[in-house]
Amino acid sequence: MIRKANSEDLETLVKIAREVANELHQQGIDQWSETYPDLEHFRNDLIKGGLFVYCHDLEIVGSISVLPENDPFYLELKWRFDNAYVVHRLMVKPEYRQMHIGRKLFLHAIDHAKSMRADGMKVDTHPDNYRMQSLILSLGFEEVGYINAMNRIGYELPFAENITRR
């Protein structure tokens, strides 16, 4: 089940983030740190109305943030559209992998962005995060390019042919 997060969920999300960050580091992926994402990141996503959690048997096992904003570093790339939602902080507890929870969260984020009349969705990930890249590409996202300032690859997914062009 996917639902909007609430303030009582935040501490659990920070704990999951630490688990995921540790796993990424064990795999040699320097995407998250011992302090990122932290409580403030999740709190800000919650306040902006873009934080969703995935519950399995009433336990929070994953989350995604989807917000109508662009990271300032995104200006480094030439995107096809501006009116987009951006995915941040997708995570699933390691022991719940292979249950397609990340895909379900992503599909929920896409539906949410469409309901907000966005022209598309953007996301970025670390060049070594092949699992995330595989998920992104399997959902139809296209690679836009490398964001040098943050060592990330940017991807976009247009929702319609008549998107607002730059």
Protein backbone atom coordinates (compact mmCIF):
# COMPACT_ATOMS: atom_id res chain seq x y z
CA MET A 1 0.00 0.00 0.00
CA ILE A 2 1.26 3.47 -0.86
CA ARG A 3 0.11 6.48 1.11
CA LYS A 4 1.14 10.04 1.83
CA ALA A 5 3.66 10.17 4.63
CA ASN A 6 2.94 11.85 7.95
CA SER A 7 5.18 13.33 10.63
CA GLU A 8 5.14 10.08 12.63
CA ASP A 9 6.87 8.34 9.69
CA LEU A 10 9.95 10.56 9.59
CA GLU A 11 12.16 8.76 12.13
CA THR A 12 11.49 5.44 10.41
CA LEU A 13 12.46 6.96 7.07
CA VAL A 14 15.74 8.23 8.48
CA LYS A 15 16.55 4.72 9.76
CA ILE A 16 15.76 3.20 6.37
CA ALA A 17 17.91 5.86 4.69
CA ARG A 18 20.88 4.89 6.85
CA GLU A 19 20.41 1.22 5.92
CA VAL A 20 20.21 2.06 2.23
CA ALA A 21 23.22 4.42 2.41
CA ASN A 22 25.29 1.73 4.14
CA GLU A 23 24.33 -0.81 1.49
CA LEU A 24 25.22 1.61 -1.32
CA HIS A 25 28.63 2.25 0.26
CA GLN A 26 29.24 -1.49 0.63
CA GLN A 27 28.64 -1.76 -3.12
CA GLY A 28 31.08 1.09 -3.79
CA ILE A 29 28.34 3.56 -4.74
CA ASP A 30 28.94 7.00 -3.27
CA GLN A 31 25.38 8.25 -3.78
CA TRP A 32 24.23 8.91 -0.21
CA SER A 33 26.24 9.65 2.91
CA GLU A 34 26.10 9.01 6.63
CA THR A 35 24.06 12.21 6.97
CA TYR A 36 22.14 12.39 3.67
CA PRO A 37 19.24 12.15 3.46
CA ASP A 38 18.39 13.31 6.96
CA LEU A 39 15.32 14.23 8.96
CA GLU A 40 15.18 17.73 7.47
CA HIS A 41 15.12 16.40 3.89
CA PHE A 42 12.17 14.15 4.67
CA ARG A 43 10.44 16.84 6.72
CA ASN A 44 10.74 19.33 3.86
CA ASP A 45 9.37 16.78 1.39
CA LEU A 46 6.47 16.13 3.78
CA ILE A 47 5.72 19.85 4.18
CA LYS A 48 5.71 20.26 0.39
CA GLY A 49 3.22 17.38 0.09
CA GLY A 50 5.47 15.16 -1.99
CA LEU A 51 6.55 12.39 0.40
CA PHE A 52 4.97 8.95 -0.03
CA VAL A 53 5.63 5.70 1.84
CA TYR A 54 5.16 2.08 0.89
CA CYS A 55 3.78 -0.13 3.67
CA HIS A 56 4.02 -3.91 3.77
CA ASP A 57 1.88 -5.46 6.50
CA LEU A 58 1.64 -2.01 8.17
CA GLU A 59 5.45 -1.65 8.22
CA ILE A 60 7.05 1.18 6.24
CA VAL A 61 9.56 -0.46 3.92
CA GLY A 62 10.16 2.26 1.35
CA SER A 63 9.50 5.80 0.25
CA ILE A 64 9.73 8.25 -2.61
CA SER A 65 9.61 12.02 -2.87
CA VAL A 66 8.17 13.66 -5.95
CA LEU A 67 8.18 17.43 -6.11
CA PRO A 68 7.52 20.16 -8.69
CA GLU A 69 11.01 21.54 -8.62
CA ASN A 70 14.35 21.26 -10.29
CA ASP A 71 17.67 20.93 -8.59
CA PRO A 72 19.76 24.03 -9.44
CA PHE A 73 22.38 21.67 -10.86
CA TYR A 74 19.80 20.52 -13.44
CA LEU A 75 20.45 23.79 -15.32
CA GLU A 76 23.62 22.11 -16.57
CA LEU A 77 21.54 19.97 -18.96
CA LYS A 78 19.20 20.78 -21.82
CA TRP A 79 15.88 19.22 -20.81
CA ARG A 80 12.97 18.89 -23.21
CA PHE A 81 10.48 20.53 -20.83
CA ASP A 82 10.26 22.68 -17.73
CA ASN A 83 6.86 21.78 -16.28
CA ALA A 84 8.09 18.60 -14.63
CA TYR A 85 8.06 16.83 -11.31
CA VAL A 86 11.34 15.48 -9.97
CA VAL A 87 11.88 12.22 -8.11
CA HIS A 88 14.09 12.38 -5.05
CA ARG A 89 15.15 9.88 -2.41
CA LEU A 90 13.62 6.65 -3.69
CA MET A 91 14.50 3.93 -1.21
CA VAL A 92 13.46 0.42 -0.24
CA LYS A 93 14.68 -1.52 2.78
CA PRO A 94 17.30 -3.98 1.51
CA GLU A 95 15.45 -7.06 2.78
CA TYR A 96 12.39 -6.07 0.70
CA ARG A 97 14.22 -5.85 -2.62
CA GLN A 98 13.07 -8.02 -5.50
CA MET A 99 9.42 -7.33 -4.59
CA HIS A 100 9.12 -4.55 -7.22
CA ILE A 101 8.44 -1.97 -4.50
CA GLY A 102 10.72 0.60 -6.14
CA ARG A 103 8.82 0.18 -9.41
CA LYS A 104 5.46 0.55 -7.64
CA LEU A 105 6.67 3.71 -5.89
CA PHE A 106 7.95 5.13 -9.18
CA LEU A 107 4.66 4.37 -10.95
CA HIS A 108 2.80 6.06 -8.11
CA ALA A 109 5.06 9.11 -8.48
CA ILE A 110 4.38 9.21 -12.23
CA ASP A 111 0.63 9.03 -11.65
CA HIS A 112 0.88 11.78 -9.03
CA ALA A 113 2.83 14.05 -11.40
CA LYS A 114 0.33 13.41 -14.20
CA SER A 115 -2.55 14.26 -11.88
CA MET A 116 -0.78 17.58 -11.17
CA ARG A 117 -0.74 18.24 -14.94
CA ALA A 118 3.02 18.01 -15.31
CA ASP A 119 4.48 17.56 -18.78
CA GLY A 120 6.91 14.94 -17.55
CA MET A 121 9.19 13.69 -14.85
CA LYS A 122 12.91 14.06 -14.16
CA VAL A 123 15.26 12.03 -12.02
CA ASP A 124 18.98 11.66 -11.51
CA THR A 125 21.18 8.93 -10.11
CA HIS A 126 24.83 8.16 -9.47
CA PRO A 127 26.73 6.77 -12.49
CA ASP A 128 27.55 3.58 -10.53
CA ASN A 129 23.98 2.92 -9.38
CA TYR A 130 23.18 0.41 -12.10
CA ARG A 131 20.15 -1.00 -10.27
CA MET A 132 18.49 2.44 -10.25
CA GLN A 133 19.49 3.10 -13.85
CA SER A 134 17.92 -0.18 -14.90
CA LEU A 135 14.66 0.71 -13.13
CA ILE A 136 14.61 4.21 -14.63
CA LEU A 137 15.19 2.93 -18.17
CA SER A 138 12.66 0.10 -17.79
CA LEU A 139 10.00 2.74 -17.03
CA GLY A 140 10.68 4.55 -20.31
CA PHE A 141 12.93 7.35 -19.10
CA GLU A 142 15.55 8.62 -21.51
CA GLU A 143 19.04 9.69 -20.54
CA VAL A 144 19.55 13.44 -20.91
CA GLY A 145 23.18 13.64 -19.88
CA TYR A 146 25.78 13.83 -17.16
CA ILE A 147 25.45 16.47 -14.44
CA ASN A 148 29.08 17.20 -13.67
CA ALA A 149 28.49 19.43 -10.64
CA MET A 150 26.82 16.60 -8.72
CA ASN A 151 28.25 13.47 -10.41
CA ARG A 152 24.83 12.25 -11.53
CA ILE A 153 23.15 11.13 -14.73
CA GLY A 154 19.89 12.93 -15.53
CA TYR A 155 16.86 11.22 -17.07
CA GLU A 156 13.45 12.44 -18.20
CA LEU A 157 10.10 10.91 -19.06
CA PRO A 158 7.70 12.97 -21.19
CA PHE A 159 4.00 12.39 -20.51
CA ALA A 160 2.55 13.76 -23.75
CA GLU A 161 3.53 14.81 -27.23
CA ASN A 162 2.37 18.39 -26.66
CA ILE A 163 4.77 19.17 -23.86
CA THR A 164 5.78 22.72 -23.08
CA ARG A 165 9.01 23.19 -25.04
CA ARG A 166 11.89 25.37 -23.94
